[in-house]
């Protein structure tokens, strides 16, 4: 099922001394949404942002805010992130023993629900909630840090998830996050991904945010 290609720059790689300006630059460059990585130092070995960062981003952009919760007990903070301006909230299958309930909670709070799979988690782990989500995020690195190398073995999982969604007649997006650049982007799109999270490749590109965003979109144009 052909879905619109979207680029979601991850502010994890942005210059935090210039965050508002860099988000504005990404929007001007044609980004489709802004990806915000929330880490708690427990589920993943790093600590990043919280609802205040989402609220700040909401003040400087009208783009959808795509909030990726890499935290334990995400259900406790979903209301705060929605109130801060999150458009879409992604939760990990690995942290949600009652995944269907958490997905329902996100939608009832007013955001679009998404589920995430770590590299070591099989696609079947989210099979039963696929009818209830608007996106599935396939991690193509192990979560916790930016700038990691893409894991090529995840291509098959991307295709498997897209096939499961198509079999349901679902128009849910398939997002990928980790090591996405002009080389890996065509590969993931060929396998069924349509939302590309890119941090280092955009915010730390030597040619700047605008040129990097254009290059990423051009790399997948033929697909």
Protein backbone atom coordinates (compact mmCIF):
# COMPACT_ATOMS: atom_id res chain seq x y z
CA UNK A 1 0.00 0.00 0.00
CA UNK A 2 1.68 3.23 -1.15
CA UNK A 3 1.63 5.91 1.56
CA UNK A 4 3.09 9.41 1.47
CA UNK A 5 6.80 9.59 2.27
CA UNK A 6 7.46 11.73 5.35
CA UNK A 7 10.67 12.96 6.91
CA UNK A 8 10.85 13.37 10.69
CA UNK A 9 14.04 15.10 11.86
CA UNK A 10 15.02 13.95 15.34
CA UNK A 11 15.96 16.83 17.62
CA UNK A 12 18.11 14.45 19.69
CA UNK A 13 20.91 15.41 17.27
CA UNK A 14 20.12 19.14 17.23
CA UNK A 15 22.20 21.88 18.80
CA UNK A 16 20.26 22.50 22.01
CA UNK A 17 21.69 26.01 22.32
CA UNK A 18 19.86 26.78 19.06
CA UNK A 19 16.94 24.37 19.33
CA UNK A 20 14.11 26.68 18.39
CA UNK A 21 15.99 27.99 15.37
CA UNK A 22 16.97 24.50 14.25
CA UNK A 23 13.37 23.28 14.45
CA UNK A 24 12.31 26.28 12.37
CA UNK A 25 15.04 25.49 9.84
CA UNK A 26 13.85 21.88 9.58
CA UNK A 27 10.28 23.05 8.99
CA UNK A 28 11.41 25.53 6.34
CA UNK A 29 13.44 22.77 4.68
CA UNK A 30 10.31 20.67 4.17
CA UNK A 31 10.28 18.37 7.18
CA UNK A 32 6.89 16.72 7.68
CA UNK A 33 7.03 16.24 11.44
CA UNK A 34 9.44 16.68 14.34
CA UNK A 35 10.64 13.59 16.20
CA UNK A 36 11.25 13.95 19.93
CA UNK A 37 13.11 11.15 21.73
CA UNK A 38 12.23 10.82 25.41
CA UNK A 39 14.61 8.61 27.43
CA UNK A 40 14.49 7.87 31.14
CA UNK A 41 17.86 6.30 31.95
CA UNK A 42 16.05 3.11 32.95
CA UNK A 43 14.58 1.49 29.85
CA UNK A 44 17.49 2.92 27.86
CA UNK A 45 20.93 4.03 29.12
CA UNK A 46 20.44 7.75 28.59
CA UNK A 47 18.30 10.64 29.84
CA UNK A 48 16.96 13.23 27.43
CA UNK A 49 13.77 15.30 27.30
CA UNK A 50 10.37 15.51 28.92
CA UNK A 51 7.06 17.31 28.47
CA UNK A 52 8.71 20.73 28.80
CA UNK A 53 10.76 20.06 25.67
CA UNK A 54 7.60 19.10 23.80
CA UNK A 55 5.89 22.26 25.01
CA UNK A 56 8.86 24.35 23.83
CA UNK A 57 8.86 22.68 20.42
CA UNK A 58 5.13 23.26 20.11
CA UNK A 59 5.69 26.99 20.55
CA UNK A 60 8.07 27.24 17.58
CA UNK A 61 6.47 24.95 14.98
CA UNK A 62 3.08 24.00 13.61
CA UNK A 63 4.39 20.62 12.42
CA UNK A 64 3.12 17.42 14.05
CA UNK A 65 5.21 16.47 17.09
CA UNK A 66 6.08 12.80 17.01
CA UNK A 67 7.00 11.82 20.59
CA UNK A 68 8.87 8.55 21.09
CA UNK A 69 8.65 7.38 24.71
CA UNK A 70 11.64 5.20 25.59
CA UNK A 71 10.54 5.00 29.21
CA UNK A 72 9.12 2.55 31.71
CA UNK A 73 5.50 3.06 32.74
CA UNK A 74 4.70 5.40 29.83
CA UNK A 75 1.03 5.33 30.80
CA UNK A 76 1.85 7.59 33.75
CA UNK A 77 3.10 10.41 31.51
CA UNK A 78 0.87 10.18 28.44
CA UNK A 79 -1.53 12.90 29.69
CA UNK A 80 1.37 15.29 30.31
CA UNK A 81 2.84 14.78 26.85
CA UNK A 82 -0.52 15.26 25.15
CA UNK A 83 -1.13 18.42 27.18
CA UNK A 84 2.31 19.66 26.13
CA UNK A 85 1.37 19.35 22.46
CA UNK A 86 2.29 15.85 21.29
CA UNK A 87 0.50 14.91 18.08
CA UNK A 88 1.57 11.28 18.02
CA UNK A 89 2.92 9.15 20.87
CA UNK A 90 4.95 5.98 20.37
CA UNK A 91 5.30 3.43 23.17
CA UNK A 92 7.48 0.35 23.26
CA UNK A 93 5.93 -3.10 23.24
CA UNK A 94 8.73 -4.09 25.62
CA UNK A 95 7.58 -1.67 28.36
CA UNK A 96 3.81 -2.13 28.12
CA UNK A 97 2.40 -5.34 29.60
CA UNK A 98 -1.07 -4.02 28.77
CA UNK A 99 -0.22 -2.67 25.34
CA UNK A 100 -3.77 -2.49 24.02
CA UNK A 101 -4.86 -0.48 27.06
CA UNK A 102 -1.96 1.94 26.62
CA UNK A 103 -2.77 2.40 22.93
CA UNK A 104 -6.38 3.16 23.88
CA UNK A 105 -5.19 5.63 26.52
CA UNK A 106 -3.16 7.56 23.94
CA UNK A 107 -6.11 7.87 21.57
CA UNK A 108 -8.54 8.80 24.33
CA UNK A 109 -6.12 11.50 25.47
CA UNK A 110 -6.27 13.05 22.00
CA UNK A 111 -3.08 11.86 20.30
CA UNK A 112 -2.37 9.30 17.58
CA UNK A 113 -1.08 6.00 19.01
CA UNK A 114 2.01 4.21 17.74
CA UNK A 115 3.86 1.11 18.91
CA UNK A 116 7.62 0.49 18.77
CA UNK A 117 9.72 -2.63 18.35
CA UNK A 118 13.35 -2.93 19.44
CA UNK A 119 15.71 -4.81 17.11
CA UNK A 120 15.48 -7.95 19.24
CA UNK A 121 11.66 -7.97 19.39
CA UNK A 122 9.80 -9.89 16.67
CA UNK A 123 7.06 -8.32 14.58
CA UNK A 124 4.49 -10.72 15.99
CA UNK A 125 4.75 -8.94 19.37
CA UNK A 126 2.48 -6.16 18.08
CA UNK A 127 0.22 -8.23 15.82
CA UNK A 128 -2.83 -8.02 18.07
CA UNK A 129 -2.75 -4.23 18.40
CA UNK A 130 -2.16 -3.38 14.74
CA UNK A 131 -5.87 -2.64 14.10
CA UNK A 132 -5.73 0.04 16.80
CA UNK A 133 -2.60 2.03 15.93
CA UNK A 134 -1.81 4.79 13.45
CA UNK A 135 1.88 3.92 13.15
CA UNK A 136 4.42 1.21 13.88
CA UNK A 137 8.00 2.26 14.58
CA UNK A 138 10.69 -0.30 13.74
CA UNK A 139 13.93 0.54 15.51
CA UNK A 140 16.87 0.02 13.17
CA UNK A 141 19.36 0.55 15.99
CA UNK A 142 19.18 -0.30 19.67
CA UNK A 143 17.53 2.68 21.37
CA UNK A 144 19.37 4.95 23.74
CA UNK A 145 21.85 6.95 21.69
CA UNK A 146 21.97 8.87 18.43
CA UNK A 147 24.54 8.34 15.72
CA UNK A 148 24.50 4.52 15.69
CA UNK A 149 25.00 2.35 12.62
CA UNK A 150 21.94 0.96 10.83
CA UNK A 151 21.21 -2.75 11.45
CA UNK A 152 20.47 -4.20 7.98
CA UNK A 153 18.77 -7.30 9.40
CA UNK A 154 15.83 -5.05 10.33
CA UNK A 155 14.81 -4.69 6.68
CA UNK A 156 12.95 -7.97 6.81
CA UNK A 157 11.01 -6.85 9.89
CA UNK A 158 10.01 -3.61 8.15
CA UNK A 159 8.60 -5.65 5.28
CA UNK A 160 6.85 -8.02 7.66
CA UNK A 161 5.12 -5.17 9.51
CA UNK A 162 4.05 -3.50 6.26
CA UNK A 163 2.68 -6.81 5.02
CA UNK A 164 0.71 -7.36 8.23
CA UNK A 165 -0.79 -3.88 8.01
CA UNK A 166 -1.67 -4.29 4.34
CA UNK A 167 -3.38 -7.61 5.10
CA UNK A 168 -5.60 -5.72 7.55
CA UNK A 169 -6.31 -2.99 5.01
CA UNK A 170 -4.63 -0.57 7.40
CA UNK A 171 -3.23 2.78 6.29
CA UNK A 172 -1.01 3.01 9.38
CA UNK A 173 2.47 4.34 8.75
CA UNK A 174 5.67 2.36 9.15
CA UNK A 175 8.36 4.51 10.69
CA UNK A 176 12.06 3.67 10.97
CA UNK A 177 14.53 5.19 13.40
CA UNK A 178 18.28 4.67 13.58
CA UNK A 179 21.10 5.15 11.11
CA UNK A 180 18.85 6.64 8.44
CA UNK A 181 20.73 8.60 5.77
CA UNK A 182 20.89 8.89 1.97
CA UNK A 183 22.31 5.35 1.75
CA UNK A 184 19.95 3.49 4.06
CA UNK A 185 16.78 5.48 3.33
CA UNK A 186 16.15 3.89 -0.10
CA UNK A 187 16.56 0.43 1.44
CA UNK A 188 13.95 0.96 4.16
CA UNK A 189 11.51 2.59 1.74
CA UNK A 190 11.85 -0.35 -0.65
CA UNK A 191 10.87 -2.64 2.22
CA UNK A 192 7.76 -0.66 3.15
CA UNK A 193 8.75 2.21 5.45
CA UNK A 194 7.25 5.61 4.70
CA UNK A 195 8.25 7.75 7.71
CA UNK A 196 11.98 8.34 8.07
CA UNK A 197 13.45 9.55 11.35
CA UNK A 198 16.85 11.14 10.80
CA UNK A 199 18.87 12.97 13.42
CA UNK A 200 22.58 13.06 12.73
CA UNK A 201 22.04 12.98 8.96
CA UNK A 202 20.03 16.22 9.14
CA UNK A 203 21.08 18.27 12.16
CA UNK A 204 24.79 17.47 11.94
CA UNK A 205 25.16 17.46 8.17
CA UNK A 206 28.13 19.54 6.95
CA UNK A 207 26.00 21.22 4.28
CA UNK A 208 23.32 22.27 6.75
CA UNK A 209 19.77 21.26 7.64
CA UNK A 210 18.08 22.40 4.43
CA UNK A 211 20.52 20.67 2.08
CA UNK A 212 20.47 17.47 4.14
CA UNK A 213 16.66 17.34 4.18
CA UNK A 214 16.52 17.85 0.41
CA UNK A 215 19.16 15.17 -0.15
CA UNK A 216 17.29 12.65 1.98
CA UNK A 217 14.04 13.24 0.12
CA UNK A 218 15.81 13.05 -3.23
CA UNK A 219 17.43 9.75 -2.27
CA UNK A 220 14.03 8.07 -2.00
CA UNK A 221 12.18 9.97 -4.70
CA UNK A 222 12.25 7.11 -7.19
CA UNK A 223 10.63 4.75 -4.71
